Amino acid sequence: MSPNLLFASELLDLQVAPERWRIWGIRGAVSILDQGLTSGAGFLVNLLLARWLVSEAYGAFAVAFAVLLFLFGFHSALLLEPMSVVGPSSYADRINAYFVSQLKLHAALATVLSAILLLATAIMAQIGMHRELVLATLGSGLALPFILLLWLVRRMCYVAHRPSMAAWGSAGYLAFVATGLFLLRATNWLNPFSAFLLMGAGSIPAVLLLFWQLGLLEGTTSSPCPWRLVLQENWQYGRWIVASTVLFTIVAQTQTYMTAALLGLGATGILRAVQIPSLAMTQIVTAVGLLVLPTMASEFGAGSISALKRKALLSTTLLTMMSLTYTVALAFFAKPIEHLLFAGKFCAYAWLIPVLGLVPVCTGFAMGFSMALRASQKPQFDLLANAVSAPIALISAIVFIKLWGLGGAALSMVAGFATYSLVYLWTFKTLDTNNFRSSVVA
């Protein structure tokens, strides 16, 4: 069936099954709310640090946070992504036992990742790197296990098809972090180090709440899932994403590192600050992806490839239209938005806000295709997309930043993500139904 016919079929389903779409609309709204609450905490931290700290200090936070996101990529590849795909299709009848095994794997992986950051902190201090950057890295290393645990448990709520649970945990996390930020500033303790510790501490009560809602505090009566078997399944699926994580970091974060290296921490802080408005739409795109991935995995497990492809096309179409509309709004209101968020601190760079708004347009365009391929247990295509786009992002970052400074960094981000989305489009169009049915072989 052609893509146009698939999309027309999905629109017909929308007319003949309004109740089904009403339920999905509610779930989608709750998913976006949850993502908004969680990202709202990160948004608030970034916004207030950008307003209250000097650019160099905020730049140090931005670089350390970029490293944290890089390590989160490994955590996501080895735990979150396999759990979202394998869990609904293979462990639906004993999902809590499966979650317990994933928590054991999290404890081991988070310990390793945290140790890496703490070791890096010691090395940076020894060679005399910028003090703010050293403290920011130390704070991220101490907070990492707790921040990653919250993201893991929130994803469990989506695997259980109950995003409303995640929303409650995210609301508590946001309230904790928001209160802590103002208390830290009032006591003159707000800095990159304390901001990371606050994010880690705020994760603990949110995690306990979600544990209780999921029934994980009471134990499970279902047959256990051996953690070695779960680890093997995670690796079989996630090994492709581990490799793509490194490449995706080049696409998404190399501009941050290159700006710090070529223009300084102050310029990095400016770049991160003007990126904040576009991150709101990026989080919406991510929320929709989190919602549809387990359902697409269920469609794949049931052999409903046509339904899976229809969901992919509809998701991509809607997300692209939403993101494009949002970017147009950013173009019209860039200066008022900058004044509202930063009180004119970065007014000379307000024109970068809509340029960076093109990034979620690209990610929205790729999202439906990406989730469909992951749900069909073909994460190797994510590796392909990143392998093609990473060199473009890296080369363009070096060349564009030298030519046009911060404007070049923004254009490099757009170029990398545009390439990423086009590769996904090409891959999706070239795979037929039989290709979708064939799963990854070890």
Protein backbone atom coordinates (compact mmCIF):
# COMPACT_ATOMS: atom_id res chain seq x y z
CA MET A 1 0.00 0.00 0.00
CA SER A 2 1.36 3.45 -0.88
CA PRO A 3 2.05 6.07 1.83
CA ASN A 4 -0.85 8.22 0.58
CA LEU A 5 -3.30 5.32 0.82
CA LEU A 6 -1.97 4.43 4.25
CA PHE A 7 -2.52 7.97 5.48
CA ALA A 8 -6.02 8.05 3.94
CA SER A 9 -6.82 4.76 5.69
CA GLU A 10 -5.70 6.18 9.02
CA LEU A 11 -7.92 9.22 8.53
CA LEU A 12 -10.83 6.86 7.81
CA ASP A 13 -10.11 5.04 11.06
CA LEU A 14 -10.31 8.40 12.78
CA GLN A 15 -13.86 8.83 11.48
CA VAL A 16 -15.18 5.33 12.18
CA ALA A 17 -13.55 4.78 15.56
CA PRO A 18 -13.93 8.08 17.48
CA GLU A 19 -13.91 6.36 20.87
CA ARG A 20 -10.54 4.74 20.20
CA TRP A 21 -9.07 8.06 19.11
CA ARG A 22 -10.61 9.86 22.08
CA ILE A 23 -8.76 7.48 24.40
CA TRP A 24 -5.53 7.98 22.51
CA GLY A 25 -6.08 11.72 22.55
CA ILE A 26 -6.37 11.65 26.34
CA ARG A 27 -3.29 9.46 26.64
CA GLY A 28 -1.41 11.73 24.27
CA ALA A 29 -2.37 14.80 26.29
CA VAL A 30 -1.28 13.14 29.54
CA SER A 31 1.98 12.04 27.92
CA ILE A 32 2.67 15.59 26.76
CA LEU A 33 1.74 16.88 30.23
CA ASP A 34 4.18 14.44 31.84
CA GLN A 35 6.95 15.33 29.43
CA GLY A 36 6.18 18.99 29.97
CA LEU A 37 6.39 18.64 33.75
CA THR A 38 9.71 16.79 33.63
CA SER A 39 11.24 18.97 30.94
CA GLY A 40 9.70 21.94 32.74
CA ALA A 41 12.04 21.26 35.63
CA GLY A 42 15.00 21.16 33.26
CA PHE A 43 13.64 24.22 31.46
CA LEU A 44 13.33 26.06 34.77
CA VAL A 45 16.85 25.14 35.86
CA ASN A 46 18.32 26.27 32.54
CA LEU A 47 16.22 29.42 32.38
CA LEU A 48 16.96 30.61 35.89
CA LEU A 49 20.65 29.73 35.69
CA ALA A 50 20.86 31.63 32.39
CA ARG A 51 19.17 34.65 34.01
CA TRP A 52 20.93 34.59 37.37
CA LEU A 53 24.47 33.36 36.63
CA VAL A 54 27.18 34.93 34.54
CA SER A 55 27.50 33.44 31.05
CA GLU A 56 30.70 31.53 31.91
CA ALA A 57 29.10 29.76 34.88
CA TYR A 58 26.00 28.88 32.89
CA GLY A 59 28.22 27.74 30.03
CA ALA A 60 29.95 25.33 32.43
CA PHE A 61 26.55 23.94 33.43
CA ALA A 62 25.60 23.57 29.75
CA VAL A 63 28.76 21.61 28.93
CA ALA A 64 28.36 19.32 31.98
CA PHE A 65 24.71 18.79 31.15
CA ALA A 66 25.64 17.89 27.57
CA VAL A 67 28.00 15.24 28.94
CA LEU A 68 25.22 13.97 31.21
CA LEU A 69 22.92 13.64 28.19
CA PHE A 70 25.66 11.74 26.37
CA LEU A 71 25.87 9.21 29.20
CA PHE A 72 22.09 9.09 29.38
CA GLY A 73 22.22 7.92 25.78
CA PHE A 74 23.99 4.73 26.89
CA HIS A 75 21.50 4.27 29.72
CA SER A 76 18.63 4.72 27.27
CA ALA A 77 20.17 2.36 24.71
CA LEU A 78 20.80 -0.45 27.19
CA LEU A 79 17.72 -0.07 29.39
CA LEU A 80 14.98 2.32 28.33
CA GLU A 81 14.72 1.52 24.62
CA PRO A 82 14.87 -2.29 24.98
CA MET A 83 12.39 -2.14 27.86
CA SER A 84 9.93 -0.09 25.78
CA VAL A 85 10.05 -2.60 22.91
CA VAL A 86 10.68 -5.99 24.49
CA GLY A 87 8.60 -5.40 27.63
CA PRO A 88 5.14 -4.94 26.01
CA SER A 89 5.68 -7.70 23.45
CA SER A 90 7.31 -10.40 25.64
CA TYR A 91 6.60 -9.70 29.33
CA ALA A 92 3.10 -8.23 29.42
CA ASP A 93 1.93 -11.02 31.79
CA ARG A 94 4.70 -10.41 34.36
CA ILE A 95 5.68 -6.85 33.76
CA ASN A 96 6.56 -5.97 37.37
CA ALA A 97 9.04 -8.84 37.64
CA TYR A 98 10.55 -7.57 34.40
CA PHE A 99 10.80 -4.07 35.89
CA VAL A 100 12.66 -5.43 38.94
CA SER A 101 15.30 -6.98 36.67
CA GLN A 102 15.67 -3.67 34.84
CA LEU A 103 16.20 -1.88 38.15
CA LYS A 104 19.04 -4.25 39.01
CA LEU A 105 20.67 -3.52 35.68
CA HIS A 106 20.20 0.22 36.27
CA ALA A 107 22.05 0.03 39.58
CA ALA A 108 25.07 -1.56 37.92
CA LEU A 109 25.13 0.72 34.88
CA ALA A 110 24.52 3.95 36.81
CA THR A 111 27.39 3.12 39.16
CA VAL A 112 29.76 2.74 36.22
CA LEU A 113 28.61 5.95 34.51
CA SER A 114 28.82 7.95 37.73
CA ALA A 115 32.32 6.65 38.38
CA ILE A 116 33.37 7.80 34.91
CA LEU A 117 32.19 11.34 35.63
CA LEU A 118 33.86 11.44 39.04
CA LEU A 119 37.12 10.21 37.54
CA ALA A 120 36.86 12.87 34.84
CA THR A 121 36.34 15.47 37.57
CA ALA A 122 39.56 14.44 39.29
CA ILE A 123 41.50 14.60 36.03
CA MET A 124 40.08 18.02 35.14
CA ALA A 125 40.98 19.39 38.56
CA GLN A 126 44.48 17.96 38.28
CA ILE A 127 45.19 19.62 34.93
CA GLY A 128 43.77 22.96 36.08
CA MET A 129 40.63 23.31 33.98
CA HIS A 130 38.06 26.06 34.65
CA ARG A 131 36.84 25.78 38.26
CA GLU A 132 33.18 26.19 37.35
CA LEU A 133 33.43 23.36 34.83
CA VAL A 134 35.10 21.08 37.39
CA LEU A 135 32.39 21.74 39.98
CA ALA A 136 29.62 21.29 37.43
CA THR A 137 31.05 17.92 36.37
CA LEU A 138 31.36 16.83 40.00
CA GLY A 139 27.74 17.73 40.65
CA SER A 140 26.53 15.86 37.58
CA GLY A 141 28.50 12.77 38.61
CA LEU A 142 26.91 12.71 42.06
CA ALA A 143 23.39 13.34 40.73
CA LEU A 144 23.51 11.02 37.71
CA PRO A 145 22.29 7.75 39.35
CA PHE A 146 19.20 9.43 40.77
CA ILE A 147 18.33 11.45 37.66
CA LEU A 148 18.64 8.36 35.45
CA LEU A 149 16.56 6.33 37.90
CA LEU A 150 13.70 8.80 37.60
CA TRP A 151 13.83 8.63 33.80
CA LEU A 152 13.83 4.81 33.99
CA VAL A 153 10.83 4.60 36.31
CA ARG A 154 8.91 7.17 34.25
CA ARG A 155 9.49 5.02 31.18
CA MET A 156 8.12 2.03 33.10
CA CYS A 157 4.84 3.91 33.42
CA TYR A 158 4.67 4.22 29.63
CA VAL A 159 5.46 0.54 29.16
CA ALA A 160 2.55 -0.21 31.50
CA HIS A 161 0.38 2.09 29.31
CA ARG A 162 -0.24 4.41 32.26
CA PRO A 163 1.38 7.76 31.47
CA SER A 164 -0.79 9.44 34.12
CA MET A 165 1.41 7.76 36.75
CA ALA A 166 4.49 9.37 35.27
CA ALA A 167 2.74 12.74 35.28
CA TRP A 168 2.23 12.58 39.05
CA GLY A 169 5.89 11.80 39.63
CA SER A 170 6.98 14.54 37.26
CA ALA A 171 4.72 17.06 39.01
CA GLY A 172 6.34 16.29 42.34
CA TYR A 173 9.80 16.55 40.80
CA LEU A 174 9.00 19.94 39.27
CA ALA A 175 7.63 21.29 42.55
CA PHE A 176 10.72 20.12 44.46
CA VAL A 177 13.18 21.59 41.96
CA ALA A 178 11.31 24.88 41.60
CA THR A 179 11.23 25.40 45.36
CA GLY A 180 14.86 24.42 45.70
CA LEU A 181 16.04 26.83 43.02
CA PHE A 182 14.56 29.86 44.76
CA LEU A 183 15.85 28.71 48.15
CA LEU A 184 19.35 28.26 46.76
CA ARG A 185 19.31 31.74 45.23
CA ALA A 186 17.93 33.30 48.41
CA THR A 187 20.79 31.79 50.39
CA ASN A 188 23.41 32.60 47.70
CA TRP A 189 24.12 28.91 47.16
CA LEU A 190 22.95 28.69 43.56
CA ASN A 191 25.67 27.54 41.17
CA PRO A 192 26.14 24.70 38.62
CA PHE A 193 27.22 22.26 41.35
CA SER A 194 24.24 22.87 43.63
CA ALA A 195 21.85 22.85 40.66
CA PHE A 196 22.88 19.30 39.76
CA LEU A 197 22.60 18.16 43.38
CA LEU A 198 19.12 19.66 43.52
CA MET A 199 18.05 17.74 40.41
CA GLY A 200 19.39 14.51 41.89
CA ALA A 201 17.71 15.08 45.27
CA GLY A 202 14.40 15.95 43.62
CA SER A 203 14.40 12.63 41.80
CA ILE A 204 14.25 10.59 45.02
CA PRO A 205 10.71 11.42 46.26
CA ALA A 206 9.38 11.24 42.67
CA VAL A 207 10.88 7.77 42.24
CA LEU A 208 9.41 6.54 45.51
CA LEU A 209 5.98 7.81 44.49
CA LEU A 210 6.16 5.99 41.15
CA PHE A 211 7.46 2.83 42.84
CA TRP A 212 4.37 2.88 45.04
CA GLN A 213 1.99 3.52 42.13
CA LEU A 214 3.52 0.74 40.06
CA GLY A 215 3.37 -1.68 42.99
CA LEU A 216 7.13 -2.18 43.07
CA LEU A 217 7.38 -1.43 46.78
CA GLU A 218 5.14 -4.42 47.56
CA GLY A 219 7.14 -6.96 45.59
CA THR A 220 5.72 -9.20 42.87
CA THR A 221 4.03 -12.59 42.93
CA SER A 222 4.64 -13.39 39.25
CA SER A 223 7.47 -15.66 38.14
CA PRO A 224 10.83 -13.85 38.25
CA CYS A 225 12.69 -12.66 35.17
CA PRO A 226 16.37 -13.64 35.40
CA TRP A 227 18.41 -10.47 35.11
CA ARG A 228 20.99 -12.25 32.95
CA LEU A 229 18.29 -13.08 30.40
CA VAL A 230 17.01 -9.50 30.48
CA LEU A 231 20.56 -8.22 30.07
CA GLN A 232 21.05 -10.47 27.05
CA GLU A 233 17.82 -9.21 25.47
CA ASN A 234 18.73 -5.61 26.24
CA TRP A 235 22.12 -6.03 24.65
CA GLN A 236 20.74 -7.82 21.58
CA TYR A 237 18.43 -4.91 20.93
CA GLY A 238 20.43 -2.04 22.42
CA ARG A 239 23.86 -2.79 20.94
CA TRP A 240 22.84 -0.99 17.76
CA ILE A 241 21.69 2.04 19.73
CA VAL A 242 24.88 2.11 21.84
CA ALA A 243 26.89 2.74 18.70
CA SER A 244 24.38 5.27 17.41
CA THR A 245 24.44 7.08 20.78
CA VAL A 246 28.01 8.18 20.19
CA LEU A 247 27.13 9.34 16.70
CA PHE A 248 23.92 11.06 17.84
CA THR A 249 25.93 13.01 20.41
CA ILE A 250 27.97 14.39 17.54
CA VAL A 251 24.76 15.42 15.78
CA ALA A 252 23.11 16.98 18.85
CA GLN A 253 25.92 18.12 21.14
CA THR A 254 29.10 18.66 19.15
CA GLN A 255 28.13 22.30 18.61
CA THR A 256 28.12 22.82 22.39
CA TYR A 257 31.59 21.33 22.77
CA MET A 258 32.98 23.13 19.71
CA THR A 259 31.54 26.46 20.82
CA ALA A 260 33.18 26.04 24.21
CA ALA A 261 36.49 25.13 22.58
CA LEU A 262 36.50 27.83 19.88
CA LEU A 263 34.49 30.67 21.44
CA GLY A 264 34.63 30.04 25.20
CA LEU A 265 32.22 29.05 27.99
CA GLY A 266 30.44 32.41 27.79
CA ALA A 267 29.46 31.81 24.17
CA THR A 268 28.34 28.30 25.09
CA GLY A 269 26.02 29.76 27.71
CA ILE A 270 24.50 32.11 25.13
CA LEU A 271 23.97 29.29 22.63
CA ARG A 272 22.27 27.11 25.22
CA ALA A 273 20.10 29.98 26.43
CA VAL A 274 18.68 30.88 23.01
CA GLN A 275 18.05 27.17 22.39
CA ILE A 276 15.68 26.96 25.35
CA PRO A 277 12.50 28.07 23.47
CA SER A 278 12.97 25.38 20.81
CA LEU A 279 13.46 22.73 23.49
CA ALA A 280 9.80 23.08 24.48
CA MET A 281 8.68 21.68 21.12
CA THR A 282 11.45 19.08 21.19
CA GLN A 283 9.99 17.78 24.45
CA ILE A 284 6.52 17.55 22.91
CA VAL A 285 7.94 15.54 20.01
CA THR A 286 9.72 13.28 22.50
CA ALA A 287 6.52 12.85 24.53
CA VAL A 288 4.59 11.66 21.50
CA GLY A 289 7.44 9.28 20.64
CA LEU A 290 7.35 7.81 24.16
CA LEU A 291 3.62 7.31 23.84
CA VAL A 292 3.56 5.60 20.45
CA LEU A 293 6.64 3.38 20.83
CA PRO A 294 5.09 0.76 23.16
CA THR A 295 1.89 0.71 21.10
CA MET A 296 3.85 0.26 17.88
CA ALA A 297 5.81 -2.53 19.58
CA SER A 298 2.50 -4.20 20.46
CA GLU A 299 1.35 -3.88 16.83
CA PHE A 300 4.60 -5.47 15.70
CA GLY A 301 4.25 -8.28 18.22
CA ALA A 302 0.73 -8.98 16.93
CA GLY A 303 1.91 -8.93 13.30
CA SER A 304 -0.13 -5.80 12.43
CA ILE A 305 2.50 -4.19 10.21
CA SER A 306 -0.01 -2.10 8.24
CA ALA A 307 -1.34 -0.54 11.46
CA LEU A 308 2.22 0.13 12.60
CA LYS A 309 3.06 1.93 9.34
CA ARG A 310 -0.14 3.96 9.47
CA LYS A 311 0.70 5.16 12.98
CA ALA A 312 4.18 6.12 11.78
CA LEU A 313 2.87 8.22 8.90
CA LEU A 314 0.23 9.92 10.99
CA SER A 315 2.66 10.67 13.84
CA THR A 316 5.23 12.15 11.48
CA THR A 317 2.67 14.30 9.66
CA LEU A 318 1.13 15.74 12.81
CA LEU A 319 4.45 16.38 14.55
CA THR A 320 5.95 18.08 11.52
CA MET A 321 2.97 20.40 11.17
CA MET A 322 2.98 21.24 14.87
CA SER A 323 6.71 21.93 14.94
CA LEU A 324 6.63 24.04 11.81
CA THR A 325 3.79 26.17 13.18
CA TYR A 326 5.71 26.64 16.41
CA THR A 327 8.85 27.73 14.56
CA VAL A 328 6.90 30.30 12.56
CA ALA A 329 5.59 31.70 15.85
CA LEU A 330 9.18 31.88 17.16
CA ALA A 331 10.19 33.85 14.08
CA PHE A 332 7.48 36.44 14.65
CA PHE A 333 7.95 36.79 18.39
CA ALA A 334 11.68 36.12 18.89
CA LYS A 335 12.50 39.44 20.55
CA PRO A 336 9.50 39.49 22.92
CA ILE A 337 10.25 35.87 23.87
CA GLU A 338 13.88 36.72 24.63
CA HIS A 339 12.82 39.72 26.71
CA LEU A 340 10.27 37.64 28.62
CA LEU A 341 12.74 34.84 29.38
CA PHE A 342 16.01 36.71 29.83
CA ALA A 343 15.05 40.37 30.29
CA GLY A 344 17.15 41.50 27.31
CA LYS A 345 20.33 39.73 28.45
CA PHE A 346 20.68 37.98 25.08
CA CYS A 347 18.74 40.42 22.87
CA ALA A 348 21.58 40.60 20.32
CA TYR A 349 21.13 36.88 19.67
CA ALA A 350 17.32 36.71 19.57
CA TRP A 351 17.45 36.00 15.82
CA LEU A 352 18.93 32.60 16.61
CA ILE A 353 15.75 31.48 18.40
CA PRO A 354 13.74 30.65 15.22
CA VAL A 355 16.83 29.20 13.52
CA LEU A 356 17.16 26.70 16.34
CA GLY A 357 13.40 26.16 16.11
CA LEU A 358 14.05 24.24 12.90
CA VAL A 359 15.65 21.45 14.95
CA PRO A 360 12.33 20.14 16.38
CA VAL A 361 10.84 20.40 12.88
CA CYS A 362 13.47 17.91 11.72
CA THR A 363 13.08 15.64 14.74
CA GLY A 364 9.29 15.73 14.41
CA PHE A 365 9.58 14.71 10.78
CA ALA A 366 11.79 11.76 11.73
CA MET A 367 9.93 10.66 14.86
CA GLY A 368 7.18 8.47 13.38
CA PHE A 369 9.61 6.67 11.07
CA SER A 370 12.12 6.24 13.88
CA MET A 371 9.61 4.78 16.34
CA ALA A 372 8.21 2.38 13.71
CA LEU A 373 11.65 1.00 12.92
CA ARG A 374 12.56 0.67 16.59
CA ALA A 375 9.25 -0.99 17.41
CA SER A 376 9.90 -3.53 14.65
CA GLN A 377 13.17 -4.32 16.46
CA LYS A 378 15.38 -2.75 13.79
CA PRO A 379 17.47 -0.26 15.78
CA GLN A 380 20.33 -0.72 13.30
CA PHE A 381 18.60 1.85 11.12
CA ASP A 382 19.04 4.42 13.89
CA LEU A 383 22.74 3.66 13.63
CA LEU A 384 22.57 4.25 9.88
CA ALA A 385 20.82 7.62 10.31
CA ASN A 386 23.38 8.77 12.84
CA ALA A 387 26.32 7.42 10.83
CA VAL A 388 25.29 9.58 7.88
CA SER A 389 24.36 12.72 9.82
CA ALA A 390 27.23 12.75 12.37
CA PRO A 391 30.01 13.60 9.88
CA ILE A 392 27.90 16.40 8.44
CA ALA A 393 27.23 17.81 11.91
CA LEU A 394 30.89 17.58 12.93
CA ILE A 395 32.34 19.09 9.76
CA SER A 396 29.71 21.82 9.58
CA ALA A 397 30.28 22.69 13.26
CA ILE A 398 33.99 23.22 12.73
CA VAL A 399 33.57 25.19 9.49
CA PHE A 400 30.42 27.15 10.33
CA ILE A 401 31.52 28.23 13.83
CA LYS A 402 34.79 29.53 12.45
CA LEU A 403 32.94 31.40 9.70
CA TRP A 404 29.85 32.70 11.51
CA GLY A 405 30.36 32.14 15.25
CA LEU A 406 27.18 31.31 17.17
CA GLY A 407 25.09 31.57 14.01
CA GLY A 408 27.27 28.88 12.48
CA ALA A 409 26.72 26.64 15.53
CA ALA A 410 22.95 26.97 15.12
CA LEU A 411 23.10 26.23 11.39
CA SER A 412 25.24 23.18 12.09
CA MET A 413 22.60 21.79 14.44
CA VAL A 414 19.92 22.23 11.78
CA ALA A 415 22.11 20.62 9.10
CA GLY A 416 22.80 17.57 11.25
CA PHE A 417 19.17 16.98 12.20
CA ALA A 418 17.91 17.63 8.68
CA THR A 419 20.22 14.91 7.38
CA TYR A 420 19.08 12.60 10.17
CA SER A 421 15.41 13.02 9.24
CA LEU A 422 16.01 12.53 5.52
CA VAL A 423 17.83 9.24 6.12
CA TYR A 424 14.87 7.99 8.15
CA LEU A 425 12.47 8.99 5.38
CA TRP A 426 14.52 7.13 2.80
CA THR A 427 14.79 4.03 5.01
CA PHE A 428 11.07 3.94 5.77
CA LYS A 429 10.12 4.28 2.10
CA THR A 430 12.50 1.54 0.95
CA LEU A 431 11.32 -1.10 3.45
CA ASP A 432 8.35 -3.23 2.43
CA THR A 433 6.06 -5.22 4.74
CA ASN A 434 8.25 -8.32 4.68
CA ASN A 435 11.29 -6.25 5.69
CA PHE A 436 9.34 -4.93 8.67
CA ARG A 437 8.35 -8.41 9.77
CA SER A 438 11.91 -9.71 9.84
CA SER A 439 13.42 -8.97 13.26
CA VAL A 440 16.96 -8.33 14.37
CA VAL A 441 19.05 -11.46 14.49
CA ALA A 442 21.85 -11.82 17.02
